[in-house]
Amino acid sequence: MISAHLTIDPHFQVGPVRRRVFGSFVEHLGRCVYDGIYEPGHPAADEDGLRQDVVDLVRELGVSTIRYPGGNFVSGFRWEDSVGPREERPTRLDLAWHSTETNAFGLHEFGSFVDKVGGEMMLALNLGTRGTLEALDLVEYANVRAGSTLADRRVANGRTEPFDVRMWCLGNEMDGPWQLGHRSATDYGKLASQAAKALRQLDERVELVVCGSSNAHMPTFGTWERDVLLESYDDVDYISCHAYYQERDGDLGSFLASPVDMDRFIETVVATADHVKAVKRSEKTIDISFDEWNVWYQDRYRDVDKIEGIENWPQAPRLLEDVYSVADAVVVGGLLISLLKHADRVTAASLAQLVNVIAPIMTEPGGPAWRQTTFFPFAITSELATGTALEVKLESPSYETALYGEVPQLDAVATHDAETGRTAVFVVNRSQTEEATVEIDVTGLGAVAVRSARTISDDDVTAANTLEDRERVTPHENDSAVIDGTTLMVTLPPVSWTAIELG
């Protein structure tokens, strides 16, 4: 059995836990929108064609900001296609995912969905095949109350009040050769700067996200961030990070250590942004919007799902519908720990995506909706992580991985809400064979009791929730969590994620 020690003290703070860290992402990709969020003929569909069973699950998931409409999709998107009478909207070919887009679901339908789930809209602007003028038009349509042609068009289309969108992405993954409108870092940085200046003239309240690298393994990673920010630093608020992880070649040990890679990614981008800050002698600090992250088995997409052919443009094909296991859920829980460990700089994040496409929620056309294993760590963390993220002191044995070298067997973070006195502890045990006994020093919290302790684990780490068995995996109460004086003791099963609430 592994033994580890953890110290929690509310005096050692990382930064406030922003609700935007628990964001998600809806893209016109596969069945995320059609047959996922929007299915007018479904028995659970409301008057807007939105599946109420999905709305209820999204609310339970605890999602805050929702990024839309892409992703790669946005670089060929004409926003005007998605508004106005549905029967007048054009059908387009989406080059990003080689699919047919009917535009039956657009900006207003998305706004209705966000209102019903209690979220915040985050819109991406097409800086791939379009530019500053089209971006200005969309912001005017979305945010100006009335009195201009575009604002009045929104009112005529049924939305009297503005959408009041604050967060805007200046394009998507513009470093990627796969992206429509891909260009060099300097060229993109100049375009982003130009668009940002114009948007602030229209609406000074906007918060702007400039594209960072599509992943930390891009050949231009690091230099891309530097060169883009050298052009746009004064004009933007965030730089984006994107990262996806998968188990390869049966290497579960490296896969479970994926959060170590996320930590290094974040710290490298922070160092690069702060370098540009120093070069520019600026007093402004750029934060990170980690607006795409998840477990995604991309190798499966390349081998199975890819659509090709000039005459082959399906509508809402089944793409990227990964079925997630217990091990995947543990990794997602670990990635959430990494985001919270960097709460001082990661102030927004989006789990990609929300429904059906590499998603925590799955649906069947005309049938049920259900929670994947990855639903649970996100929902529980969103529920419990409030107040301030704390810098915990963890003593844990290590193990060797093929991808990341020597990494700790355990990882942890805590949050503390001074107003309510509530503390939450999130812990991962990466060992594939051994339980871990963790001794947690809670002296700094004063007199506290265990309010709940929930663990995700299973003797079969490949166990998953499917259409045929929708509740095969659920969190279970961890009765081993007990406090003796100023020490909290808890036992963690192998390959597990645990959340403990103290109050």
Protein backbone atom coordinates (compact mmCIF):
# COMPACT_ATOMS: atom_id res chain seq x y z
CA MET A 1 0.00 0.00 0.00
CA ILE A 2 1.15 3.51 -0.88
CA SER A 3 1.46 6.07 1.90
CA ALA A 4 1.23 9.81 1.21
CA HIS A 5 0.95 13.01 3.21
CA LEU A 6 -0.91 16.19 2.32
CA THR A 7 -0.99 19.54 4.10
CA ILE A 8 -3.79 22.04 3.57
CA ASP A 9 -3.51 25.60 4.81
CA PRO A 10 -5.84 28.40 3.61
CA HIS A 11 -2.99 30.89 3.97
CA PHE A 12 -1.19 29.38 0.95
CA GLN A 13 -3.32 30.57 -1.94
CA VAL A 14 -2.92 30.14 -5.70
CA GLY A 15 -5.79 32.35 -6.84
CA PRO A 16 -9.57 32.66 -6.91
CA VAL A 17 -11.60 29.90 -8.51
CA ARG A 18 -13.39 31.54 -11.43
CA ARG A 19 -16.65 30.01 -12.60
CA ARG A 20 -15.45 30.33 -16.18
CA VAL A 21 -12.97 27.51 -15.54
CA PHE A 22 -15.97 25.17 -15.70
CA GLY A 23 -16.89 26.10 -19.24
CA SER A 24 -17.65 23.80 -22.16
CA PHE A 25 -17.78 23.88 -25.93
CA VAL A 26 -20.44 23.36 -28.60
CA GLU A 27 -19.30 23.03 -32.20
CA HIS A 28 -21.19 22.20 -35.37
CA LEU A 29 -19.44 18.83 -35.54
CA GLY A 30 -21.01 15.42 -35.83
CA ARG A 31 -24.03 15.09 -33.52
CA CYS A 32 -23.08 17.70 -30.95
CA VAL A 33 -25.83 20.07 -32.14
CA TYR A 34 -28.16 18.01 -34.32
CA ASP A 35 -29.54 14.91 -32.52
CA GLY A 36 -27.67 16.14 -29.45
CA ILE A 37 -28.75 19.54 -28.17
CA TYR A 38 -31.32 20.12 -30.91
CA GLU A 39 -33.80 17.44 -31.98
CA PRO A 40 -37.25 18.94 -32.67
CA GLY A 41 -38.99 15.58 -33.14
CA HIS A 42 -37.78 14.11 -29.85
CA PRO A 43 -40.38 13.39 -27.13
CA ALA A 44 -38.36 15.56 -24.71
CA ALA A 45 -37.98 18.50 -27.13
CA ASP A 46 -39.40 21.85 -26.05
CA GLU A 47 -40.96 24.55 -28.20
CA ASP A 48 -37.49 25.56 -29.46
CA GLY A 49 -36.53 22.01 -30.48
CA LEU A 50 -34.11 21.71 -27.55
CA ARG A 51 -33.97 18.38 -25.75
CA GLN A 52 -35.06 19.03 -22.17
CA ASP A 53 -33.34 15.86 -20.95
CA VAL A 54 -30.06 17.26 -22.30
CA VAL A 55 -30.75 20.69 -20.78
CA ASP A 56 -31.29 19.03 -17.40
CA LEU A 57 -28.03 17.09 -17.65
CA VAL A 58 -26.08 20.20 -18.69
CA ARG A 59 -27.44 22.02 -15.65
CA GLU A 60 -26.41 19.07 -13.46
CA LEU A 61 -22.96 19.10 -15.06
CA GLY A 62 -22.49 22.64 -13.74
CA VAL A 63 -21.27 24.23 -16.96
CA SER A 64 -20.63 27.98 -16.97
CA THR A 65 -19.32 29.59 -20.18
CA ILE A 66 -20.09 27.74 -23.43
CA ARG A 67 -17.87 28.38 -26.45
CA TYR A 68 -19.55 28.39 -29.89
CA PRO A 69 -19.68 27.65 -32.90
CA GLY A 70 -16.14 26.23 -33.17
CA GLY A 71 -13.52 25.00 -33.33
CA ASN A 72 -12.41 24.33 -36.87
CA PHE A 73 -15.98 24.91 -38.05
CA VAL A 74 -15.76 28.64 -37.36
CA SER A 75 -13.10 29.33 -39.99
CA GLY A 76 -15.61 28.71 -42.79
CA PHE A 77 -18.67 30.02 -40.94
CA ARG A 78 -20.81 32.89 -42.20
CA TRP A 79 -22.72 34.01 -39.14
CA GLU A 80 -25.45 35.65 -41.20
CA ASP A 81 -26.48 32.18 -42.42
CA SER A 82 -27.52 31.20 -38.90
CA VAL A 83 -30.07 33.96 -38.17
CA GLY A 84 -33.47 34.92 -39.52
CA PRO A 85 -36.38 32.69 -40.58
CA ARG A 86 -35.22 29.09 -40.59
CA GLU A 87 -36.75 28.33 -43.98
CA GLU A 88 -34.67 31.13 -45.53
CA ARG A 89 -31.31 30.05 -44.13
CA PRO A 90 -28.90 28.62 -46.70
CA THR A 91 -27.48 25.12 -46.62
CA ARG A 92 -23.66 25.15 -46.76
CA LEU A 93 -20.84 22.65 -47.07
CA ASP A 94 -18.64 22.58 -43.96
CA LEU A 95 -15.08 21.97 -45.08
CA ALA A 96 -13.71 21.44 -41.57
CA TRP A 97 -15.65 18.22 -40.95
CA HIS A 98 -16.73 17.45 -44.54
CA SER A 99 -20.42 17.67 -43.66
CA THR A 100 -23.57 19.48 -44.74
CA GLU A 101 -24.66 22.36 -42.49
CA THR A 102 -28.36 23.22 -42.71
CA ASN A 103 -28.14 26.21 -40.33
CA ALA A 104 -31.40 25.07 -38.74
CA PHE A 105 -29.65 25.72 -35.42
CA GLY A 106 -27.92 29.08 -35.21
CA LEU A 107 -27.08 32.02 -33.01
CA HIS A 108 -30.57 32.57 -31.60
CA GLU A 109 -31.15 28.89 -30.92
CA PHE A 110 -27.80 28.70 -29.17
CA GLY A 111 -28.70 31.79 -27.13
CA SER A 112 -31.93 30.11 -26.05
CA PHE A 113 -30.03 26.98 -25.06
CA VAL A 114 -27.50 28.95 -23.01
CA ASP A 115 -30.32 30.81 -21.23
CA LYS A 116 -32.05 27.54 -20.34
CA VAL A 117 -28.91 25.91 -18.91
CA GLY A 118 -27.95 29.06 -17.00
CA GLY A 119 -24.67 29.56 -18.85
CA GLU A 120 -22.72 32.38 -20.48
CA MET A 121 -22.14 32.71 -24.22
CA MET A 122 -18.58 32.74 -25.54
CA LEU A 123 -18.43 33.27 -29.29
CA ALA A 124 -15.63 32.59 -31.74
CA LEU A 125 -15.06 34.94 -34.66
CA ASN A 126 -14.09 33.78 -38.13
CA LEU A 127 -10.64 35.23 -38.78
CA GLY A 128 -9.81 32.38 -41.15
CA THR A 129 -11.80 33.17 -44.29
CA ARG A 130 -13.19 36.48 -43.05
CA GLY A 131 -11.82 39.50 -41.22
CA THR A 132 -12.34 42.63 -39.14
CA LEU A 133 -15.47 43.91 -40.85
CA GLU A 134 -17.41 40.67 -40.46
CA ALA A 135 -16.28 40.44 -36.83
CA LEU A 136 -17.56 43.96 -36.18
CA ASP A 137 -20.89 43.08 -37.78
CA LEU A 138 -21.40 40.08 -35.50
CA VAL A 139 -20.50 42.00 -32.34
CA GLU A 140 -22.86 44.79 -33.36
CA TYR A 141 -25.65 42.29 -34.05
CA ALA A 142 -25.07 40.54 -30.72
CA ASN A 143 -24.34 43.39 -28.32
CA VAL A 144 -25.92 46.67 -29.47
CA ARG A 145 -29.39 47.19 -28.05
CA ALA A 146 -31.07 48.92 -31.00
CA GLY A 147 -30.81 51.79 -33.45
CA SER A 148 -28.55 50.27 -36.11
CA THR A 149 -29.52 48.07 -39.03
CA LEU A 150 -27.81 45.01 -37.54
CA ALA A 151 -29.14 45.52 -34.02
CA ASP A 152 -32.64 46.08 -35.36
CA ARG A 153 -32.30 42.91 -37.43
CA ARG A 154 -31.63 40.96 -34.24
CA VAL A 155 -34.74 42.49 -32.68
CA ALA A 156 -36.78 41.62 -35.78
CA ASN A 157 -35.43 38.06 -35.52
CA GLY A 158 -36.96 37.71 -32.07
CA ARG A 159 -34.30 38.78 -29.60
CA THR A 160 -35.22 42.16 -28.11
CA GLU A 161 -32.44 42.23 -25.53
CA PRO A 162 -28.81 41.97 -26.72
CA PHE A 163 -26.98 38.69 -26.29
CA ASP A 164 -24.41 40.75 -24.35
CA VAL A 165 -21.47 38.48 -25.18
CA ARG A 166 -18.31 39.40 -23.30
CA MET A 167 -15.79 36.70 -24.28
CA TRP A 168 -14.78 36.50 -27.95
CA CYS A 169 -12.21 34.20 -29.56
CA LEU A 170 -10.18 35.87 -32.32
CA GLY A 171 -10.28 32.88 -34.62
CA ASN A 172 -9.41 29.27 -33.84
CA GLU A 173 -6.13 27.31 -33.98
CA MET A 174 -4.64 29.64 -36.56
CA ASP A 175 -1.26 27.93 -36.19
CA GLY A 176 -2.68 24.71 -37.67
CA PRO A 177 -2.12 23.91 -41.38
CA TRP A 178 -5.56 22.21 -41.30
CA GLN A 179 -7.23 25.53 -40.49
CA LEU A 180 -8.93 27.51 -43.25
CA GLY A 181 -7.01 30.79 -43.40
CA HIS A 182 -3.94 29.41 -41.62
CA ARG A 183 -1.13 31.97 -41.60
CA SER A 184 2.14 32.78 -39.87
CA ALA A 185 2.25 33.91 -36.25
CA THR A 186 3.21 37.46 -37.20
CA ASP A 187 0.51 37.76 -39.86
CA TYR A 188 -2.13 36.33 -37.55
CA GLY A 189 -0.97 38.53 -34.65
CA LYS A 190 -1.35 41.64 -36.81
CA LEU A 191 -4.84 40.59 -37.90
CA ALA A 192 -5.87 39.80 -34.32
CA SER A 193 -4.53 43.17 -33.16
CA GLN A 194 -6.41 45.01 -35.90
CA ALA A 195 -9.67 43.19 -35.15
CA ALA A 196 -9.27 43.68 -31.40
CA LYS A 197 -8.75 47.43 -31.71
CA ALA A 198 -11.85 47.73 -33.90
CA LEU A 199 -14.01 45.62 -31.58
CA ARG A 200 -13.05 47.75 -28.57
CA GLN A 201 -14.11 50.87 -30.46
CA LEU A 202 -17.53 49.26 -30.82
CA ASP A 203 -17.82 47.65 -27.35
CA GLU A 204 -15.16 48.42 -24.77
CA ARG A 205 -16.49 45.64 -22.51
CA VAL A 206 -15.35 42.78 -24.75
CA GLU A 207 -12.80 40.28 -23.41
CA LEU A 208 -10.67 38.92 -26.22
CA VAL A 209 -8.87 35.59 -26.61
CA VAL A 210 -5.98 35.39 -29.06
CA CYS A 211 -5.06 31.98 -30.51
CA GLY A 212 -2.20 30.17 -28.87
CA SER A 213 -0.80 26.88 -30.17
CA SER A 214 -3.18 24.07 -31.08
CA ASN A 215 -1.16 21.82 -28.80
CA ALA A 216 2.20 21.76 -27.06
CA HIS A 217 3.65 19.43 -29.69
CA MET A 218 3.27 21.80 -32.63
CA PRO A 219 6.67 22.58 -34.20
CA THR A 220 6.05 26.30 -33.63
CA PHE A 221 4.96 25.96 -29.99
CA GLY A 222 6.48 28.71 -27.88
CA THR A 223 7.66 30.85 -30.76
CA TRP A 224 4.03 31.07 -31.94
CA GLU A 225 2.88 32.46 -28.58
CA ARG A 226 5.78 34.89 -28.46
CA ASP A 227 5.32 36.24 -31.99
CA VAL A 228 1.53 36.50 -31.76
CA LEU A 229 1.72 38.37 -28.45
CA LEU A 230 4.46 40.68 -29.70
CA GLU A 231 1.86 41.92 -32.21
CA SER A 232 -1.29 41.82 -30.07
CA TYR A 233 -0.30 41.95 -26.37
CA ASP A 234 -1.77 45.39 -25.71
CA ASP A 235 -5.07 44.52 -27.40
CA VAL A 236 -6.11 41.16 -25.91
CA ASP A 237 -6.91 39.67 -22.51
CA TYR A 238 -6.27 35.95 -22.91
CA ILE A 239 -4.18 33.55 -24.93
CA SER A 240 -5.69 30.13 -25.62
CA CYS A 241 -4.33 26.66 -24.85
CA HIS A 242 -5.67 23.45 -26.42
CA ALA A 243 -4.74 19.93 -25.30
CA TYR A 244 -6.17 16.45 -25.80
CA TYR A 245 -4.92 13.21 -24.28
CA GLN A 246 -5.36 9.51 -25.07
CA GLU A 247 -3.96 6.19 -24.00
CA ARG A 248 -1.59 4.88 -26.66
CA ASP A 249 -0.19 1.37 -27.09
CA GLY A 250 -1.57 0.19 -23.76
CA ASP A 251 0.61 2.65 -21.83
CA LEU A 252 -1.86 3.35 -19.02
CA GLY A 253 0.87 4.68 -16.73
CA SER A 254 1.74 7.55 -19.07
CA PHE A 255 -1.93 8.20 -19.80
CA LEU A 256 -2.76 8.58 -16.11
CA ALA A 257 0.12 11.07 -15.86
CA SER A 258 -1.33 13.30 -18.63
CA PRO A 259 -1.96 16.16 -16.16
CA VAL A 260 1.81 16.47 -15.75
CA ASP A 261 1.95 17.43 -19.42
CA MET A 262 -0.88 19.95 -18.92
CA ASP A 263 1.03 21.49 -15.99
CA ARG A 264 4.15 21.93 -18.14
CA PHE A 265 2.09 23.32 -21.03
CA ILE A 266 0.46 25.96 -18.83
CA GLU A 267 3.73 26.95 -17.17
CA THR A 268 5.49 27.32 -20.53
CA VAL A 269 2.75 29.56 -21.94
CA VAL A 270 2.73 31.65 -18.77
CA ALA A 271 6.51 32.09 -18.99
CA THR A 272 6.26 33.08 -22.66
CA ALA A 273 3.47 35.60 -22.03
CA ASP A 274 5.40 37.10 -19.13
CA HIS A 275 8.50 37.34 -21.32
CA VAL A 276 6.54 39.46 -23.81
CA LYS A 277 5.18 41.49 -20.90
CA ALA A 278 8.76 42.24 -19.85
CA VAL A 279 9.87 43.06 -23.41
CA LYS A 280 6.99 45.49 -23.76
CA ARG A 281 7.48 46.88 -20.25
CA SER A 282 3.78 46.39 -19.74
CA GLU A 283 1.85 46.43 -16.47
CA LYS A 284 -0.82 44.22 -17.99
CA THR A 285 -0.89 40.44 -17.42
CA ILE A 286 -2.26 38.03 -20.01
CA ASP A 287 -4.30 35.14 -18.61
CA ILE A 288 -4.96 31.72 -20.17
CA SER A 289 -8.22 30.53 -21.67
CA PHE A 290 -7.76 26.76 -21.84
CA ASP A 291 -10.71 26.63 -24.19
CA GLU A 292 -10.25 23.10 -25.54
CA TRP A 293 -9.24 20.21 -23.31
CA ASN A 294 -10.34 16.62 -22.85
CA VAL A 295 -9.53 12.98 -23.43
CA TRP A 296 -9.88 12.35 -27.17
CA TYR A 297 -8.85 9.19 -29.01
CA GLN A 298 -7.77 11.04 -32.15
CA ASP A 299 -6.14 7.97 -33.67
CA ARG A 300 -9.60 6.37 -33.92
CA TYR A 301 -10.90 9.38 -35.84
CA ARG A 302 -8.08 9.19 -38.34
CA ASP A 303 -8.64 5.49 -38.87
CA VAL A 304 -12.44 5.21 -38.82
CA ASP A 305 -14.45 8.44 -38.93
CA LYS A 306 -12.77 10.48 -41.64
CA ILE A 307 -15.21 11.57 -44.39
CA GLU A 308 -13.98 12.17 -47.94
CA GLY A 309 -15.33 12.60 -51.47
CA ILE A 310 -16.74 15.49 -53.49
CA GLU A 311 -20.24 13.93 -53.45
CA ASN A 312 -20.14 12.79 -49.81
CA TRP A 313 -21.37 15.51 -47.40
CA PRO A 314 -23.55 13.84 -44.73
CA GLN A 315 -25.69 15.75 -42.24
CA ALA A 316 -24.77 15.31 -38.58
CA PRO A 317 -22.72 12.11 -39.06
CA ARG A 318 -21.58 10.12 -36.03
CA LEU A 319 -18.11 11.56 -35.51
CA LEU A 320 -15.72 11.44 -32.56
CA GLU A 321 -18.21 9.63 -30.30
CA ASP A 322 -15.67 8.29 -27.84
CA VAL A 323 -17.02 5.97 -25.14
CA TYR A 324 -15.21 6.86 -21.92
CA SER A 325 -13.88 4.45 -19.32
CA VAL A 326 -13.09 4.70 -15.63
CA ALA A 327 -9.46 5.41 -16.54
CA ASP A 328 -10.60 8.26 -18.81
CA ALA A 329 -12.66 9.72 -15.96
CA VAL A 330 -9.66 9.59 -13.62
CA VAL A 331 -7.57 11.46 -16.19
CA VAL A 332 -10.29 14.10 -16.64
CA GLY A 333 -10.39 14.51 -12.86
CA GLY A 334 -6.61 14.91 -12.88
CA LEU A 335 -6.78 17.54 -15.63
CA LEU A 336 -9.30 19.49 -13.53
CA ILE A 337 -6.79 19.36 -10.67
CA SER A 338 -4.16 20.85 -13.00
CA LEU A 339 -6.46 23.69 -14.03
CA LEU A 340 -7.18 24.54 -10.39
CA LYS A 341 -3.48 24.33 -9.49
CA HIS A 342 -2.97 27.20 -11.95
CA ALA A 343 -6.02 29.24 -10.95
CA ASP A 344 -3.93 32.41 -10.79
CA ARG A 345 -3.48 32.35 -14.59
CA VAL A 346 -6.01 29.88 -16.00
CA THR A 347 -9.12 31.98 -15.53
CA ALA A 348 -11.29 30.38 -18.23
CA ALA A 349 -11.47 26.87 -19.69
CA SER A 350 -13.77 24.83 -21.92
CA LEU A 351 -14.21 21.07 -21.81
CA ALA A 352 -14.48 20.02 -25.45
CA GLN A 353 -17.18 19.12 -26.19
CA LEU A 354 -20.57 19.06 -24.45
CA VAL A 355 -22.81 16.46 -26.13
CA ASN A 356 -22.03 13.29 -28.17
CA VAL A 357 -18.71 14.52 -29.63
CA ILE A 358 -15.91 13.57 -27.17
CA ALA A 359 -18.48 14.55 -24.58
CA PRO A 360 -19.61 13.87 -21.00
CA ILE A 361 -23.24 13.58 -22.22
CA MET A 362 -24.47 11.13 -24.85
CA THR A 363 -27.82 10.87 -26.62
CA GLU A 364 -29.61 8.52 -28.94
CA PRO A 365 -31.94 9.96 -31.62
CA GLY A 366 -35.50 9.56 -30.35
CA GLY A 367 -34.08 7.81 -27.29
CA PRO A 368 -32.40 8.51 -23.96
CA ALA A 369 -29.60 10.78 -22.82
CA TRP A 370 -27.01 9.57 -20.31
CA ARG A 371 -23.89 10.50 -18.37
CA GLN A 372 -20.51 9.22 -19.47
CA THR A 373 -17.90 8.40 -16.81
CA THR A 374 -16.20 11.76 -17.42
CA PHE A 375 -19.42 13.56 -16.44
CA PHE A 376 -18.86 12.86 -12.76
CA PRO A 377 -15.46 14.44 -11.97
CA PHE A 378 -16.48 17.58 -13.87
CA ALA A 379 -19.88 17.89 -12.18
CA ILE A 380 -18.51 17.24 -8.69
CA THR A 381 -15.56 19.61 -9.10
CA SER A 382 -17.84 22.32 -10.49
CA GLU A 383 -20.12 21.85 -7.48
CA LEU A 384 -17.45 21.82 -4.77
CA ALA A 385 -14.61 24.05 -6.01
CA THR A 386 -15.42 27.52 -4.74
CA GLY A 387 -13.55 30.37 -3.14
CA THR A 388 -9.78 30.10 -3.57
CA ALA A 389 -7.51 27.39 -4.93
CA LEU A 390 -4.86 26.45 -2.39
CA GLU A 391 -1.24 25.45 -2.85
CA VAL A 392 -1.12 22.11 -1.06
CA LYS A 393 2.02 20.37 0.12
CA LEU A 394 2.00 16.77 -1.12
CA GLU A 395 4.51 14.07 -0.23
CA SER A 396 4.00 11.08 -2.53
CA PRO A 397 6.09 8.24 -3.93
CA SER A 398 6.82 8.37 -7.65
CA TYR A 399 6.80 6.02 -10.61
CA GLU A 400 8.49 6.04 -14.01
CA THR A 401 6.55 6.75 -17.21
CA ALA A 402 7.62 6.34 -20.82
CA LEU A 403 6.32 9.78 -21.84
CA TYR A 404 6.87 12.07 -18.85
CA GLY A 405 9.69 10.53 -16.86
CA GLU A 406 9.29 10.19 -13.10
CA VAL A 407 5.93 11.45 -11.83
CA PRO A 408 4.18 11.32 -8.43
CA GLN A 409 1.77 8.46 -7.79
CA LEU A 410 -0.70 10.94 -6.33
CA ASP A 411 -1.81 14.41 -7.33
CA ALA A 412 -4.03 16.78 -5.39
CA VAL A 413 -5.43 20.27 -5.03
CA ALA A 414 -7.75 21.93 -2.52
CA THR A 415 -10.11 24.88 -2.56
CA HIS A 416 -11.34 26.92 0.38
CA ASP A 417 -14.26 29.30 0.64
CA ALA A 418 -13.63 31.71 3.50
CA GLU A 419 -17.24 32.96 3.49
CA THR A 420 -18.87 29.56 3.95
CA GLY A 421 -15.96 27.77 5.62
CA ARG A 422 -16.27 25.01 3.02
CA THR A 423 -13.13 23.23 1.85
CA ALA A 424 -12.85 20.70 -0.96
CA VAL A 425 -9.97 18.28 -1.56
CA PHE A 426 -9.47 16.55 -4.91
CA VAL A 427 -7.03 13.61 -5.09
CA VAL A 428 -5.96 11.15 -7.79
CA ASN A 429 -4.26 7.82 -7.21
CA ARG A 430 -2.38 6.85 -10.39
CA SER A 431 -1.15 3.48 -9.16
CA GLN A 432 -2.59 0.63 -11.21
CA THR A 433 -2.19 -1.96 -8.45
CA GLU A 434 -1.98 -0.40 -5.01
CA GLU A 435 -4.33 1.42 -2.68
CA ALA A 436 -3.03 4.67 -1.25
CA THR A 437 -3.47 5.76 2.35
CA VAL A 438 -3.36 9.53 2.53
CA GLU A 439 -2.84 11.44 5.76
CA ILE A 440 -4.10 15.00 5.36
CA ASP A 441 -3.09 17.67 7.87
CA VAL A 442 -6.10 19.99 8.26
CA THR A 443 -4.80 21.95 11.26
CA GLY A 444 -5.00 25.21 9.32
CA LEU A 445 -8.73 24.73 8.73
CA GLY A 446 -9.70 24.62 12.40
CA ALA A 447 -12.50 22.33 13.51
CA VAL A 448 -13.94 20.63 10.42
CA ALA A 449 -15.94 17.51 9.62
CA VAL A 450 -16.29 15.35 6.54
CA ARG A 451 -19.50 16.32 4.74
CA SER A 452 -19.01 13.95 1.81
CA ALA A 453 -16.34 11.81 0.16
CA ARG A 454 -16.96 10.45 -3.33
CA THR A 455 -14.67 8.21 -5.36
CA ILE A 456 -14.65 7.11 -8.98
CA SER A 457 -12.99 3.71 -9.38
CA ASP A 458 -13.74 0.17 -10.53
CA ASP A 459 -12.04 -3.20 -10.55
CA ASP A 460 -12.31 -2.92 -14.34
CA VAL A 461 -10.68 0.36 -15.39
CA THR A 462 -12.15 -0.09 -18.87
CA ALA A 463 -15.74 -0.08 -17.56
CA ALA A 464 -17.96 2.49 -19.28
CA ASN A 465 -21.54 3.74 -19.47
CA THR A 466 -23.25 2.81 -22.73
CA LEU A 467 -26.72 2.89 -24.28
CA GLU A 468 -27.22 -0.69 -23.10
CA ASP A 469 -25.91 -0.05 -19.56
CA ARG A 470 -26.19 3.65 -18.82
CA GLU A 471 -25.31 3.48 -15.10
CA ARG A 472 -22.52 0.91 -15.12
CA VAL A 473 -20.14 3.48 -13.58
CA THR A 474 -21.15 6.03 -10.94
CA PRO A 475 -19.31 7.67 -8.05
CA HIS A 476 -19.52 5.83 -4.73
CA GLU A 477 -19.25 7.04 -1.16
CA ASN A 478 -15.79 6.60 0.30
CA ASP A 479 -16.44 5.67 3.92
CA SER A 480 -12.71 5.54 4.71
CA ALA A 481 -12.55 9.35 4.95
CA VAL A 482 -12.49 10.14 8.69
CA ILE A 483 -11.05 12.95 10.80
CA ASP A 484 -9.13 12.24 13.99
CA GLY A 485 -8.25 15.52 15.67
CA THR A 486 -6.43 17.57 13.04
CA THR A 487 -5.78 14.70 10.63
CA LEU A 488 -8.00 13.49 7.83
CA MET A 489 -7.33 9.91 6.77
CA VAL A 490 -8.60 8.46 3.51
CA THR A 491 -7.86 5.35 1.46
CA LEU A 492 -7.84 5.65 -2.31
CA PRO A 493 -8.35 2.62 -4.59
CA PRO A 494 -5.97 2.07 -7.52
CA VAL A 495 -6.70 4.22 -10.58
CA SER A 496 -9.15 6.48 -8.78
CA TRP A 497 -10.29 10.07 -8.39
CA THR A 498 -11.73 11.28 -5.09
CA ALA A 499 -13.44 14.47 -3.94
CA ILE A 500 -13.80 15.23 -0.23
CA GLU A 501 -15.95 18.04 1.08
CA LEU A 502 -15.15 19.47 4.52
CA GLY A 503 -17.22 21.91 6.50
